[in-house]
Amino acid sequence: MNYDIIVIGSGPGGYVTAIRAAQLGFKTAIIEKENLGGICLNWGCIPTKALLKSAQVFHYINHAEDYGLNKVEGSFEFPNVIQRSRGVANKMSKGIEFLMKKNKIDVILGTAKVQKGKKVSVTDKDGKVTEYAGTHIIIATGARSRELPNLPQDGKKVIGYRQALSLPEQPKSMIVVGSGAIGVEFADFYNTMGTKVTVVEFMPNIVPVEDEDVSKHLEKSLKKSGIEIMVNASVESVDTSGEGVKATVKTANGNVVLEADILLSAVGIAANIENIGLEEVGIQTDKGRVLVNEWYETSVPGYYAIGDLIPTQALAHVASAEGITCVEKIKGLHVEKIDYGNIPGCTYCHPEVASVGLTEKQAKEKGYEIKVGKFPLSASGKATANGNTDGFVKVIFDAKYGEWLGCHMIGEGVTDMVAEAVVARKLETTGHEIIKSIHPHPTVSEAIMEAAAAAYGEVIHI
């Protein structure tokens, strides 16, 4: 059982790595302990978007009059919404099975553990252990919901994202702890479907990694939709002894007690580095992440790690890019290092949030003299026609050279627009070049061109 490359984990890091390896002519195997596609496809990115789409359709039905249509009384069966989401995930998982067969990648089901001598032992569901050898072993075991000591998850009243995707019935009330992408997306979904939602965030702003203007705008939008938001607050303890859950929350004005049917802990992720043989092989870790060099090789030659395991952005598209970069370097191709300053981030709540590059605060802290332009979607013809004018596009340029330092967007469909900024920044496009690049009318993408024009005092439509 010898392979050129063995990939452990079949999430968006692992399966993409395996496919690229096979394309490059490597004899490749992939090991998965649960379902092909990993957490992202089965319990993360894909099924959450399916839930959010159901919520969006439900919202449109209940606001039919806003579009000149007859009023409709929208209703739903919660299990059917969950079932659709699971169906989408299952379909995508089967698609990964097809891609493995198409690329002649051996799929090994079981729990993997790396061994010395570039070997991997795999324990199948019956307890049988089989050993495999690989010239290169790439670890892509991903991450799980992080548990705080004062917020232990029981999977019933205090849950993580996985349980939030498959609840048997809709809770009447929910506390969401953490307002990153996971927390905000679930808060938006459940609120839209009728659950009373309260978000508790430790930092001064929700979606704290985003530009402050975006964070403040999103907070207003979510509050307007009915979500209660508490910032500068932390859950000190939870009591699940009663019918629901009681959370003691520390605020600037003292402790308050929140009651709800369910508490969703969305306070980040923890890398899956335990019990996979790292210590036995001598692979170094630090603060719960695997240490790698610029080409993702660990401290032990022949062993690599990518994705949520390493101290880079824990995003599906980052894991995929790291895996491709890793195997192309192994092949000896000319490979560029990933620019971690040009990674797009997206949050799929309503309104959506998308960004890339430096925030305004970061740009100033780095000493740039900047030009900032903002264009409200209320001035966009297409957004107005769509009935979705909540949001704006904000761009930040270096005043001296015109370098595009950052792009921050909030609004319907902006997660599909941010790629323009990513590509433009990759190509070192200047602000004036964006202004002179003719954008199609009417589209929401015109807002990017208009925001760039606003930065230089040339905006037309505001």
Protein backbone atom coordinates (compact mmCIF):
# COMPACT_ATOMS: atom_id res chain seq x y z
CA MET A 1 0.00 0.00 0.00
CA ASN A 2 2.51 2.61 -1.19
CA TYR A 3 1.49 6.04 -2.47
CA ASP A 4 3.26 9.15 -3.68
CA ILE A 5 0.89 11.31 -1.64
CA ILE A 6 -1.45 10.45 1.20
CA VAL A 7 -3.92 13.13 2.24
CA ILE A 8 -5.54 12.86 5.67
CA GLY A 9 -8.94 14.58 5.71
CA SER A 10 -11.31 15.26 2.81
CA GLY A 11 -12.53 18.77 3.52
CA PRO A 12 -11.99 21.64 1.06
CA GLY A 13 -8.30 21.50 1.89
CA GLY A 14 -7.89 17.73 1.61
CA TYR A 15 -10.02 16.78 -1.38
CA VAL A 16 -8.74 19.70 -3.49
CA THR A 17 -5.16 18.73 -2.58
CA ALA A 18 -5.80 15.14 -3.61
CA ILE A 19 -7.31 16.13 -6.95
CA ARG A 20 -4.44 18.48 -7.80
CA ALA A 21 -1.94 15.80 -6.79
CA ALA A 22 -3.63 13.29 -9.08
CA GLN A 23 -3.63 15.83 -11.92
CA LEU A 24 0.12 16.19 -11.47
CA GLY A 25 0.61 12.45 -11.87
CA PHE A 26 1.01 11.42 -8.24
CA LYS A 27 -0.43 8.12 -7.04
CA THR A 28 -2.77 9.51 -4.43
CA ALA A 29 -4.90 8.29 -1.54
CA ILE A 30 -7.23 10.25 0.71
CA ILE A 31 -8.32 9.16 4.17
CA GLU A 32 -11.64 10.23 5.69
CA LYS A 33 -13.19 9.12 8.99
CA GLU A 34 -16.72 10.37 8.31
CA ASN A 35 -18.06 11.91 5.08
CA LEU A 36 -16.24 13.09 1.98
CA GLY A 37 -16.23 16.88 1.87
CA GLY A 38 -15.40 17.31 5.54
CA ILE A 39 -17.04 19.80 7.89
CA CYS A 40 -17.31 22.62 5.33
CA LEU A 41 -19.36 20.65 2.86
CA ASN A 42 -21.33 18.50 5.31
CA TRP A 43 -21.68 20.66 8.42
CA GLY A 44 -20.48 24.15 7.53
CA CYS A 45 -20.24 26.32 4.43
CA ILE A 46 -22.72 24.54 2.17
CA PRO A 47 -25.62 23.53 4.45
CA THR A 48 -25.61 26.92 6.21
CA LYS A 49 -26.01 28.65 2.84
CA ALA A 50 -28.93 26.35 2.07
CA LEU A 51 -30.59 27.37 5.35
CA LEU A 52 -29.96 31.04 4.66
CA LYS A 53 -31.49 30.70 1.19
CA SER A 54 -34.64 29.19 2.71
CA ALA A 55 -34.77 32.11 5.13
CA GLN A 56 -34.33 34.60 2.30
CA VAL A 57 -37.16 33.02 0.29
CA PHE A 58 -39.36 33.06 3.39
CA HIS A 59 -38.55 36.74 3.86
CA TYR A 60 -39.46 37.52 0.24
CA ILE A 61 -42.76 35.67 0.55
CA ASN A 62 -43.69 37.68 3.63
CA HIS A 63 -42.74 40.93 1.88
CA ALA A 64 -44.44 40.23 -1.46
CA GLU A 65 -46.33 43.53 -1.23
CA ASP A 66 -43.03 45.41 -1.36
CA TYR A 67 -42.69 44.13 -4.94
CA GLY A 68 -46.23 45.00 -6.04
CA LEU A 69 -47.48 41.45 -5.55
CA ASN A 70 -50.50 40.25 -3.63
CA LYS A 71 -49.89 39.61 0.03
CA VAL A 72 -48.99 36.00 0.80
CA GLU A 73 -49.09 34.35 4.19
CA GLY A 74 -45.84 32.44 4.30
CA SER A 75 -45.56 29.33 6.44
CA PHE A 76 -43.13 26.46 6.78
CA GLU A 77 -42.38 23.17 8.47
CA PHE A 78 -39.03 23.52 10.19
CA PRO A 79 -37.95 19.88 9.65
CA ASN A 80 -38.47 20.36 5.90
CA VAL A 81 -36.11 23.36 5.91
CA ILE A 82 -33.48 21.29 7.73
CA GLN A 83 -34.10 18.36 5.40
CA ARG A 84 -33.47 20.51 2.32
CA SER A 85 -30.19 21.74 3.80
CA ARG A 86 -29.07 18.17 4.55
CA GLY A 87 -30.07 17.15 1.04
CA VAL A 88 -27.89 19.86 -0.49
CA ALA A 89 -24.94 18.72 1.65
CA ASN A 90 -25.48 15.06 0.73
CA LYS A 91 -25.64 15.88 -2.97
CA MET A 92 -22.35 17.77 -2.77
CA SER A 93 -20.72 14.92 -0.83
CA LYS A 94 -21.71 12.50 -3.60
CA GLY A 95 -20.14 14.95 -6.03
CA ILE A 96 -16.84 14.57 -4.19
CA GLU A 97 -17.15 10.79 -4.49
CA PHE A 98 -17.49 11.22 -8.26
CA LEU A 99 -14.41 13.49 -8.39
CA MET A 100 -12.35 10.92 -6.49
CA LYS A 101 -13.29 8.20 -8.97
CA LYS A 102 -12.75 10.50 -11.95
CA ASN A 103 -9.22 11.33 -10.78
CA LYS A 104 -8.42 7.73 -9.76
CA ILE A 105 -7.84 8.66 -6.13
CA ASP A 106 -8.08 5.81 -3.62
CA VAL A 107 -10.54 6.66 -0.84
CA ILE A 108 -9.71 5.02 2.48
CA LEU A 109 -12.41 5.21 5.14
CA GLY A 110 -11.29 5.21 8.76
CA THR A 111 -9.44 7.14 11.44
CA ALA A 112 -5.87 7.99 10.51
CA LYS A 113 -2.77 8.31 12.66
CA VAL A 114 0.60 9.34 11.28
CA GLN A 115 3.53 7.08 12.06
CA LYS A 116 7.28 7.47 11.80
CA GLY A 117 8.88 6.53 8.51
CA LYS A 118 6.26 8.29 6.38
CA LYS A 119 3.52 5.84 7.24
CA VAL A 120 -0.12 6.18 8.22
CA SER A 121 -2.18 3.66 10.16
CA VAL A 122 -5.92 3.62 9.53
CA THR A 123 -8.47 2.09 11.86
CA ASP A 124 -11.73 1.23 10.12
CA LYS A 125 -15.21 1.07 11.67
CA ASP A 126 -14.69 -2.58 12.63
CA GLY A 127 -11.46 -1.81 14.47
CA LYS A 128 -9.19 -3.30 11.81
CA VAL A 129 -5.88 -1.44 11.46
CA THR A 130 -4.14 -1.14 8.08
CA GLU A 131 -0.84 0.61 7.44
CA TYR A 132 -0.09 2.71 4.37
CA ALA A 133 3.17 4.28 3.20
CA GLY A 134 3.50 7.58 1.40
CA THR A 135 6.42 9.54 0.03
CA HIS A 136 4.59 12.69 1.14
CA ILE A 137 1.91 12.83 3.81
CA ILE A 138 -0.37 15.89 3.90
CA ILE A 139 -2.44 16.42 7.03
CA ALA A 140 -5.72 18.29 6.51
CA THR A 141 -7.83 17.22 9.47
CA GLY A 142 -9.57 20.59 9.86
CA ALA A 143 -11.18 21.93 13.00
CA ARG A 144 -14.22 21.71 15.25
CA SER A 145 -16.33 24.07 17.33
CA ARG A 146 -14.20 25.50 20.16
CA GLU A 147 -15.49 24.90 23.66
CA LEU A 148 -14.89 27.38 26.46
CA PRO A 149 -14.45 26.03 30.02
CA ASN A 150 -17.39 28.11 31.23
CA LEU A 151 -19.51 27.18 28.22
CA PRO A 152 -19.43 23.37 27.90
CA GLN A 153 -21.53 21.99 25.05
CA ASP A 154 -23.99 19.22 25.85
CA GLY A 155 -25.30 19.05 22.28
CA LYS A 156 -28.88 19.70 23.41
CA LYS A 157 -29.25 22.99 25.28
CA VAL A 158 -25.74 24.32 24.72
CA ILE A 159 -24.83 23.51 21.14
CA GLY A 160 -22.21 24.11 18.46
CA TYR A 161 -22.71 24.80 14.76
CA ARG A 162 -23.18 21.13 13.94
CA GLN A 163 -26.25 20.74 16.13
CA ALA A 164 -27.56 24.13 14.93
CA LEU A 165 -27.75 22.65 11.43
CA SER A 166 -29.91 19.71 12.42
CA LEU A 167 -32.21 20.68 15.29
CA PRO A 168 -35.34 18.48 15.31
CA GLU A 169 -37.56 21.47 16.02
CA GLN A 170 -37.25 25.23 15.88
CA PRO A 171 -36.44 26.88 19.22
CA LYS A 172 -38.63 29.78 20.28
CA SER A 173 -35.59 31.63 21.63
CA MET A 174 -31.84 31.37 21.22
CA ILE A 175 -28.72 32.98 22.66
CA VAL A 176 -25.82 33.15 20.22
CA VAL A 177 -22.41 33.62 21.84
CA GLY A 178 -19.93 35.09 19.37
CA SER A 179 -20.62 37.31 16.37
CA GLY A 180 -18.12 36.09 13.83
CA ALA A 181 -19.35 34.62 10.56
CA ILE A 182 -20.78 31.46 12.15
CA GLY A 183 -22.62 33.28 14.93
CA VAL A 184 -24.05 36.04 12.74
CA GLU A 185 -25.20 33.66 10.00
CA PHE A 186 -27.09 31.41 12.42
CA ALA A 187 -28.49 34.42 14.26
CA ASP A 188 -29.82 35.77 10.95
CA PHE A 189 -31.30 32.44 9.88
CA TYR A 190 -33.12 31.67 13.11
CA ASN A 191 -34.32 35.25 13.54
CA THR A 192 -35.75 35.33 10.02
CA MET A 193 -37.59 32.06 10.68
CA GLY A 194 -39.16 33.52 13.83
CA THR A 195 -36.87 32.58 16.71
CA LYS A 196 -36.16 35.33 19.25
CA VAL A 197 -32.37 35.76 19.02
CA THR A 198 -29.90 37.53 21.29
CA VAL A 199 -26.24 37.85 20.24
CA VAL A 200 -23.56 38.24 22.89
CA GLU A 201 -20.18 39.58 21.68
CA PHE A 202 -17.07 40.06 23.82
CA MET A 203 -15.56 42.71 21.54
CA PRO A 204 -16.84 46.31 21.09
CA ASN A 205 -18.19 45.51 17.60
CA ILE A 206 -19.89 42.52 15.99
CA VAL A 207 -18.00 40.80 13.14
CA PRO A 208 -14.92 42.29 14.85
CA VAL A 209 -12.44 41.47 12.05
CA GLU A 210 -14.33 43.74 9.65
CA ASP A 211 -13.92 47.47 9.02
CA GLU A 212 -15.64 49.39 11.80
CA ASP A 213 -18.04 51.13 9.40
CA VAL A 214 -19.25 47.73 8.20
CA SER A 215 -19.55 46.36 11.73
CA LYS A 216 -21.62 49.33 12.90
CA HIS A 217 -23.88 49.18 9.85
CA LEU A 218 -24.47 45.44 10.21
CA GLU A 219 -25.32 45.88 13.89
CA LYS A 220 -27.98 48.46 12.98
CA SER A 221 -29.38 46.22 10.25
CA LEU A 222 -29.60 43.15 12.46
CA LYS A 223 -31.17 45.12 15.29
CA LYS A 224 -33.72 46.51 12.83
CA SER A 225 -34.57 42.93 11.84
CA GLY A 226 -35.32 42.11 15.48
CA ILE A 227 -32.07 40.62 16.77
CA GLU A 228 -30.94 41.83 20.17
CA ILE A 229 -27.20 42.52 20.30
CA MET A 230 -24.98 42.89 23.34
CA VAL A 231 -21.37 44.00 22.76
CA ASN A 232 -18.59 44.33 25.33
CA ALA A 233 -20.28 41.39 27.02
CA SER A 234 -19.22 37.89 28.02
CA VAL A 235 -21.05 34.79 29.17
CA GLU A 236 -19.69 33.91 32.61
CA SER A 237 -21.73 30.76 33.25
CA VAL A 238 -24.69 28.75 32.02
CA ASP A 239 -27.36 26.86 33.92
CA THR A 240 -29.09 24.04 32.04
CA SER A 241 -30.86 22.48 35.02
CA GLY A 242 -34.24 23.95 34.08
CA GLU A 243 -36.38 23.58 31.00
CA GLY A 244 -34.14 25.82 28.89
CA VAL A 245 -30.84 27.57 29.54
CA LYS A 246 -29.96 30.54 31.71
CA ALA A 247 -26.81 32.47 30.84
CA THR A 248 -25.17 34.91 33.21
CA VAL A 249 -23.71 37.68 31.07
CA LYS A 250 -21.14 40.16 32.33
CA THR A 251 -21.63 43.69 30.97
CA ALA A 252 -20.22 47.13 31.73
CA ASN A 253 -23.30 47.76 33.85
CA GLY A 254 -23.08 44.53 35.83
CA ASN A 255 -24.32 40.99 35.32
CA VAL A 256 -27.59 40.16 33.60
CA VAL A 257 -29.29 36.78 33.20
CA LEU A 258 -30.59 35.76 29.77
CA GLU A 259 -33.05 32.90 29.33
CA ALA A 260 -33.63 30.94 26.15
CA ASP A 261 -34.49 27.49 24.83
CA ILE A 262 -31.01 26.99 23.39
CA LEU A 263 -27.58 28.61 23.53
CA LEU A 264 -25.38 28.39 20.45
CA SER A 265 -21.67 28.68 21.17
CA ALA A 266 -19.95 30.27 18.17
CA VAL A 267 -16.71 31.40 19.78
CA GLY A 268 -14.35 30.10 17.14
CA ILE A 269 -12.78 26.78 16.26
CA ALA A 270 -10.15 24.38 17.61
CA ALA A 271 -7.81 22.52 15.26
CA ASN A 272 -8.09 18.72 15.17
CA ILE A 273 -4.52 17.92 16.17
CA GLU A 274 -5.19 15.47 18.99
CA ASN A 275 -4.67 11.71 18.66
CA ILE A 276 -3.37 11.81 15.10
CA GLY A 277 0.23 10.89 15.93
CA LEU A 278 1.88 14.32 15.82
CA GLU A 279 3.71 13.87 19.13
CA GLU A 280 4.94 10.37 18.27
CA VAL A 281 6.35 11.52 14.94
CA GLY A 282 7.82 14.68 16.48
CA ILE A 283 5.78 17.22 14.51
CA GLN A 284 5.94 20.55 16.32
CA THR A 285 2.86 22.50 17.33
CA ASP A 286 2.31 25.83 19.05
CA LYS A 287 -0.86 27.22 20.63
CA GLY A 288 -2.94 24.43 19.19
CA ARG A 289 -1.70 24.75 15.60
CA VAL A 290 0.85 22.83 13.55
CA LEU A 291 4.00 24.76 12.67
CA VAL A 292 4.94 24.71 8.97
CA ASN A 293 7.35 26.48 6.67
CA GLU A 294 6.33 28.66 3.72
CA TRP A 295 5.55 25.55 1.63
CA TYR A 296 3.55 23.84 4.41
CA GLU A 297 6.16 21.25 5.39
CA THR A 298 6.16 20.50 9.12
CA SER A 299 9.21 20.18 11.36
CA VAL A 300 9.56 16.58 10.12
CA PRO A 301 10.49 16.26 6.42
CA GLY A 302 7.88 14.54 4.28
CA TYR A 303 4.97 15.53 6.52
CA TYR A 304 2.87 18.59 5.62
CA ALA A 305 -0.12 20.40 7.11
CA ILE A 306 -2.66 22.76 5.55
CA GLY A 307 -5.94 24.49 6.37
CA ASP A 308 -7.38 25.04 9.82
CA LEU A 309 -4.49 23.09 11.37
CA ILE A 310 -1.98 25.86 10.78
CA PRO A 311 -1.89 29.50 11.96
CA THR A 312 -3.37 31.06 8.81
CA GLN A 313 -6.93 32.24 8.12
CA ALA A 314 -9.33 29.37 8.87
CA LEU A 315 -11.28 29.62 5.62
CA ALA A 316 -12.22 26.94 3.11
CA HIS A 317 -10.73 28.79 0.14
CA VAL A 318 -7.48 29.31 2.04
CA ALA A 319 -7.20 25.58 2.77
CA SER A 320 -7.79 24.76 -0.90
CA ALA A 321 -5.14 27.24 -2.05
CA GLU A 322 -2.64 25.94 0.51
CA GLY A 323 -3.15 22.36 -0.64
CA ILE A 324 -2.67 23.23 -4.30
CA THR A 325 0.43 25.29 -3.49
CA CYS A 326 1.82 22.44 -1.37
CA VAL A 327 1.54 19.69 -4.02
CA GLU A 328 2.70 21.94 -6.84
CA LYS A 329 5.84 22.73 -4.83
CA ILE A 330 6.36 19.01 -4.18
CA LYS A 331 6.09 18.45 -7.94
CA GLY A 332 8.81 21.05 -8.52
CA LEU A 333 6.66 23.58 -10.34
CA HIS A 334 7.39 27.30 -10.12
CA VAL A 335 5.02 28.32 -7.34
CA GLU A 336 4.18 31.69 -5.82
CA LYS A 337 3.71 31.91 -2.08
CA ILE A 338 0.15 32.72 -1.01
CA ASP A 339 -0.41 36.39 -0.21
CA TYR A 340 -2.28 36.20 3.07
CA GLY A 341 -2.93 39.92 2.90
CA ASN A 342 -5.17 39.39 -0.12
CA ILE A 343 -7.57 36.78 1.22
CA PRO A 344 -11.28 37.63 0.86
CA GLY A 345 -13.58 37.13 3.82
CA CYS A 346 -17.34 36.65 3.45
CA THR A 347 -20.27 36.50 5.85
CA TYR A 348 -23.54 35.34 4.31
CA CYS A 349 -26.08 36.96 6.61
CA HIS A 350 -28.56 39.52 5.28
CA PRO A 351 -27.17 41.97 4.37
CA GLU A 352 -24.04 40.09 3.32
CA VAL A 353 -20.56 41.23 4.26
CA ALA A 354 -17.42 40.86 2.12
CA SER A 355 -13.96 42.33 2.44
CA VAL A 356 -10.34 42.06 1.42
CA GLY A 357 -7.19 43.90 2.44
CA LEU A 358 -6.68 46.50 5.12
CA THR A 359 -9.41 48.17 7.12
CA GLU A 360 -9.28 51.96 7.38
CA LYS A 361 -7.92 51.67 10.91
CA GLN A 362 -5.22 49.19 9.86
CA ALA A 363 -4.16 51.37 6.93
CA LYS A 364 -3.73 54.37 9.22
CA GLU A 365 -1.84 52.30 11.80
CA LYS A 366 0.58 51.21 9.07
CA GLY A 367 1.30 54.85 8.31
CA TYR A 368 -0.42 55.16 4.95
CA GLU A 369 -1.81 58.47 3.78
CA ILE A 370 -5.11 57.28 2.41
CA LYS A 371 -8.02 58.18 0.19
CA VAL A 372 -11.34 56.65 1.22
CA GLY A 373 -14.45 56.41 -0.93
CA LYS A 374 -17.92 55.17 0.00
CA PHE A 375 -20.93 54.59 -2.20
CA PRO A 376 -24.31 53.78 -0.65
CA LEU A 377 -26.42 51.10 -2.32
CA SER A 378 -29.40 53.41 -1.89
CA ALA A 379 -27.92 55.32 -4.86
CA SER A 380 -27.63 52.16 -6.98
CA GLY A 381 -30.31 51.72 -9.62
CA LYS A 382 -30.01 47.93 -9.65
CA ALA A 383 -30.09 47.67 -5.84
CA THR A 384 -33.17 49.89 -5.79
CA ALA A 385 -34.88 47.76 -8.44
CA ASN A 386 -33.97 44.66 -6.41
CA GLY A 387 -35.49 46.18 -3.30
CA ASN A 388 -32.22 45.66 -1.43
CA THR A 389 -30.60 49.05 -0.81
CA ASP A 390 -29.25 48.33 2.67
CA GLY A 391 -25.48 48.71 2.57
CA PHE A 392 -22.52 50.33 0.89
CA VAL A 393 -19.16 49.79 -0.75
CA LYS A 394 -16.08 51.31 0.88
CA VAL A 395 -12.66 51.43 -0.76
CA ILE A 396 -9.30 52.54 0.61
CA PHE A 397 -6.39 53.66 -1.57
CA ASP A 398 -2.84 54.76 -0.85
CA ALA A 399 -2.86 58.49 -1.64
CA LYS A 400 0.73 58.45 -2.92
CA TYR A 401 0.70 55.61 -5.43
CA GLY A 402 -2.99 54.76 -5.82
CA GLU A 403 -2.50 51.21 -4.48
CA TRP A 404 -5.80 49.55 -3.58
CA LEU A 405 -5.31 48.86 0.13
CA GLY A 406 -8.73 47.55 1.09
CA CYS A 407 -12.31 46.97 -0.01
CA HIS A 408 -15.20 46.53 2.41
CA MET A 409 -18.77 45.86 1.34
CA ILE A 410 -22.09 45.23 2.99
CA GLY A 411 -25.24 44.52 1.03
CA GLU A 412 -27.17 41.96 -0.97
CA GLY A 413 -24.85 39.93 -3.22
CA VAL A 414 -21.56 41.53 -2.18
CA THR A 415 -19.94 38.13 -1.53
CA ASP A 416 -20.10 37.59 -5.29
CA MET A 417 -18.60 41.04 -5.97
CA VAL A 418 -15.50 40.98 -3.77
CA ALA A 419 -13.51 38.87 -6.24
CA GLU A 420 -13.10 41.98 -8.40
CA ALA A 421 -11.13 43.64 -5.63
CA VAL A 422 -9.08 40.48 -4.98
CA VAL A 423 -8.04 40.18 -8.64
CA ALA A 424 -7.42 43.92 -8.99
CA ARG A 425 -5.19 43.96 -5.91
CA LYS A 426 -3.33 40.89 -7.20
CA LEU A 427 -2.65 42.78 -10.45
CA GLU A 428 -1.66 45.95 -8.52
CA THR A 429 -4.51 47.91 -10.08
CA THR A 430 -4.75 51.56 -9.04
CA GLY A 431 -7.79 53.56 -8.06
CA HIS A 432 -7.84 55.48 -11.34
CA GLU A 433 -7.71 52.23 -13.33
CA ILE A 434 -10.82 51.03 -11.48
CA ILE A 435 -12.59 54.32 -12.23
CA LYS A 436 -11.71 54.01 -15.93
CA SER A 437 -12.77 50.33 -16.11
CA ILE A 438 -16.31 50.52 -17.49
CA HIS A 439 -18.74 48.56 -15.32
CA PRO A 440 -22.04 47.27 -16.76
CA HIS A 441 -25.25 49.15 -16.05
CA PRO A 442 -27.45 48.45 -14.26
CA THR A 443 -25.53 46.25 -11.82
CA VAL A 444 -24.69 46.50 -8.17
CA SER A 445 -21.02 46.09 -9.18
CA GLU A 446 -21.09 49.69 -10.41
CA ALA A 447 -20.92 50.64 -6.74
CA ILE A 448 -17.26 49.57 -6.70
CA MET A 449 -16.41 51.93 -9.54
CA GLU A 450 -18.46 54.71 -7.93
CA ALA A 451 -16.77 54.20 -4.55
CA ALA A 452 -13.36 54.44 -6.22
CA ALA A 453 -14.50 57.63 -7.94
CA ALA A 454 -15.71 58.98 -4.59
CA ALA A 455 -12.23 58.47 -3.15
CA TYR A 456 -10.85 60.80 -5.84
CA GLY A 457 -13.67 63.34 -5.83
CA GLU A 458 -15.08 62.13 -9.15
CA VAL A 459 -18.22 60.27 -8.08
CA ILE A 460 -21.22 60.85 -10.32
CA HIS A 461 -24.31 59.45 -8.62
CA ILE A 462 -24.12 60.89 -5.10
